[in-house]
Amino acid sequence: MQARMTHPVYVLPDAMKALYALSQATQGTVPDSTHKLIQLRVSQINGCSVCVDMHARELKESGQSDERIWGVGAWRESPYFSEAERAALALAESVTRLADTTDPVPDTVWDNAADNYDEKELSALLISIASINVWNRLNAATRQPVPVSEGTARG
């Protein structure tokens, strides 16, 4: 696959600065692994291969087990996630799929998240979810390819 154009954040460098600042604002509130799990799950939903590849690799490099990485797509049935992580993943799915239901973020999803995270942490989760959705949409619209390292086969 070849990109349709230069990535918009390289065309408009202030956009890159803004998106980077948005991500930085969420750091230190919830575990970094929670942010990465959210980023991976949202990217799976949105079909953003660049972000799926990147965040799966980041999780692996940070010491997360293969089972946790592979299990993100089926987190509800997987035994590898804490209650707090499950709440964050449910929130991420609801916020990402806003148009898929008449009640975009059901009270049960919100209440579960609020039971596991305080207001500052919820704010960080929501900003993290919104941020990865922006990246997914930019990458998907411009068809950004996954960087392939030497020795990696293309299908």
Protein backbone atom coordinates (compact mmCIF):
# COMPACT_ATOMS: atom_id res chain seq x y z
CA MET A 1 0.00 0.00 0.00
CA GLN A 2 1.17 3.49 -0.77
CA ALA A 3 0.04 6.63 1.04
CA ARG A 4 -2.31 8.92 -0.85
CA MET A 5 -0.39 11.97 0.31
CA THR A 6 2.19 13.16 2.78
CA HIS A 7 0.79 12.70 6.27
CA PRO A 8 -1.20 15.83 7.22
CA VAL A 9 0.83 16.39 10.41
CA TYR A 10 3.95 16.75 8.27
CA VAL A 11 2.19 19.16 5.94
CA LEU A 12 0.90 21.15 8.92
CA PRO A 13 3.59 20.83 11.62
CA ASP A 14 1.53 22.79 14.15
CA ALA A 15 -1.00 19.95 13.99
CA MET A 16 1.73 17.50 15.01
CA LYS A 17 2.67 19.76 17.93
CA ALA A 18 -0.98 19.98 19.00
CA LEU A 19 -1.57 16.23 18.81
CA TYR A 20 1.67 15.55 20.66
CA ALA A 21 0.69 18.04 23.38
CA LEU A 22 -2.73 16.39 23.65
CA SER A 23 -1.10 13.01 24.24
CA GLN A 24 1.40 14.43 26.71
CA ALA A 25 -1.42 15.96 28.77
CA THR A 26 -2.68 12.47 29.62
CA GLN A 27 0.62 11.07 30.88
CA GLY A 28 1.02 10.15 34.53
CA THR A 29 -2.67 9.85 35.29
CA VAL A 30 -3.33 6.18 34.51
CA PRO A 31 -0.77 3.49 33.75
CA ASP A 32 0.88 3.87 30.35
CA SER A 33 -0.12 0.29 29.59
CA THR A 34 -3.78 1.31 29.92
CA HIS A 35 -3.29 4.08 27.36
CA LYS A 36 -1.56 1.62 25.01
CA LEU A 37 -4.31 -0.98 25.43
CA ILE A 38 -6.89 1.68 24.57
CA GLN A 39 -4.85 2.83 21.58
CA LEU A 40 -4.56 -0.72 20.31
CA ARG A 41 -8.26 -1.51 20.75
CA VAL A 42 -9.50 1.72 19.17
CA SER A 43 -7.10 1.21 16.26
CA GLN A 44 -8.42 -2.32 15.77
CA ILE A 45 -12.00 -1.00 15.66
CA ASN A 46 -11.05 1.74 13.19
CA GLY A 47 -8.96 -0.57 11.01
CA CYS A 48 -5.83 1.57 11.32
CA SER A 49 -3.04 -0.86 10.52
CA VAL A 50 -0.28 1.67 11.26
CA CYS A 51 -1.56 2.22 14.79
CA VAL A 52 -2.38 -1.45 15.44
CA ASP A 53 1.17 -2.34 14.47
CA MET A 54 2.75 0.51 16.44
CA HIS A 55 0.78 0.07 19.67
CA ALA A 56 1.10 -3.72 19.69
CA ARG A 57 4.86 -3.28 19.34
CA GLU A 58 4.94 -0.62 22.08
CA LEU A 59 3.05 -2.94 24.42
CA LYS A 60 5.48 -5.76 23.64
CA GLU A 61 8.52 -3.50 24.16
CA SER A 62 7.13 -2.34 27.49
CA GLY A 63 7.03 -5.93 28.71
CA GLN A 64 3.37 -6.79 28.17
CA SER A 65 2.72 -10.46 27.52
CA ASP A 66 1.76 -11.76 24.11
CA GLU A 67 -1.49 -13.03 25.64
CA ARG A 68 -2.49 -9.53 26.74
CA ILE A 69 -1.62 -8.05 23.36
CA TRP A 70 -3.43 -10.76 21.40
CA GLY A 71 -6.34 -10.69 23.82
CA VAL A 72 -7.20 -7.02 23.35
CA GLY A 73 -9.56 -7.77 20.47
CA ALA A 74 -11.54 -10.14 22.72
CA TRP A 75 -10.93 -8.45 26.06
CA ARG A 76 -14.39 -9.31 27.40
CA GLU A 77 -13.63 -13.04 27.19
CA SER A 78 -9.95 -12.80 28.03
CA PRO A 79 -8.66 -13.41 31.58
CA TYR A 80 -5.66 -11.11 31.15
CA PHE A 81 -7.18 -7.73 32.04
CA SER A 82 -7.98 -6.05 35.35
CA GLU A 83 -11.41 -4.61 36.15
CA ALA A 84 -10.03 -1.10 35.65
CA GLU A 85 -8.57 -2.02 32.24
CA ARG A 86 -11.88 -3.60 31.23
CA ALA A 87 -13.70 -0.40 32.23
CA ALA A 88 -11.26 1.67 30.16
CA LEU A 89 -11.60 -0.64 27.16
CA ALA A 90 -15.42 -0.54 27.35
CA LEU A 91 -15.32 3.26 27.52
CA ALA A 92 -12.90 3.38 24.58
CA GLU A 93 -15.19 1.19 22.48
CA SER A 94 -18.28 3.25 23.29
CA VAL A 95 -16.60 6.59 22.60
CA THR A 96 -15.14 5.25 19.35
CA ARG A 97 -18.46 3.84 18.14
CA LEU A 98 -20.62 6.88 18.93
CA ALA A 99 -22.91 6.49 15.92
CA ASP A 100 -23.48 2.75 16.35
CA THR A 101 -26.17 3.05 19.01
CA THR A 102 -28.82 5.49 20.24
CA ASP A 103 -27.08 5.63 23.62
CA PRO A 104 -23.45 6.21 22.60
CA VAL A 105 -21.94 5.88 26.08
CA PRO A 106 -24.43 3.90 28.20
CA ASP A 107 -24.69 4.70 31.89
CA THR A 108 -23.43 1.21 32.74
CA VAL A 109 -20.21 1.83 30.79
CA TRP A 110 -19.77 5.30 32.25
CA ASP A 111 -20.58 4.22 35.81
CA ASN A 112 -18.14 1.31 35.61
CA ALA A 113 -15.41 3.64 34.38
CA ALA A 114 -16.25 6.17 37.11
CA ASP A 115 -16.08 3.39 39.72
CA ASN A 116 -12.52 2.60 38.62
CA TYR A 117 -11.15 6.06 37.83
CA ASP A 118 -11.43 9.49 39.41
CA GLU A 119 -12.31 12.61 37.41
CA LYS A 120 -8.72 13.40 36.47
CA GLU A 121 -8.13 9.83 35.31
CA LEU A 122 -11.41 9.77 33.38
CA SER A 123 -10.40 13.03 31.71
CA ALA A 124 -7.09 11.49 30.67
CA LEU A 125 -8.82 8.38 29.34
CA LEU A 126 -11.29 10.44 27.29
CA ILE A 127 -8.53 12.60 25.84
CA SER A 128 -6.47 9.51 25.07
CA ILE A 129 -9.44 7.90 23.31
CA ALA A 130 -10.17 11.06 21.32
CA SER A 131 -6.51 11.44 20.39
CA ILE A 132 -6.09 7.93 19.00
CA ASN A 133 -9.32 8.34 17.06
CA VAL A 134 -7.85 11.45 15.40
CA TRP A 135 -4.67 9.56 14.47
CA ASN A 136 -6.70 6.61 13.14
CA ARG A 137 -8.81 8.86 10.96
CA LEU A 138 -5.84 10.74 9.54
CA ASN A 139 -4.00 7.48 8.80
CA ALA A 140 -7.01 5.72 7.30
CA ALA A 141 -8.04 8.69 5.13
CA THR A 142 -4.56 9.06 3.68
CA ARG A 143 -3.89 5.29 3.62
CA GLN A 144 -0.68 5.45 5.59
CA PRO A 145 1.18 2.15 5.22
CA VAL A 146 2.73 0.17 8.04
CA PRO A 147 6.50 0.60 7.88
CA VAL A 148 7.98 -2.76 6.94
CA SER A 149 11.37 -3.58 8.36
CA GLU A 150 13.97 -5.44 6.36
CA GLY A 151 13.45 -9.18 6.48
CA THR A 152 9.69 -8.87 7.11
CA ALA A 153 7.55 -10.51 4.47
CA ARG A 154 4.65 -8.67 2.90
CA GLY A 155 1.51 -10.66 2.32
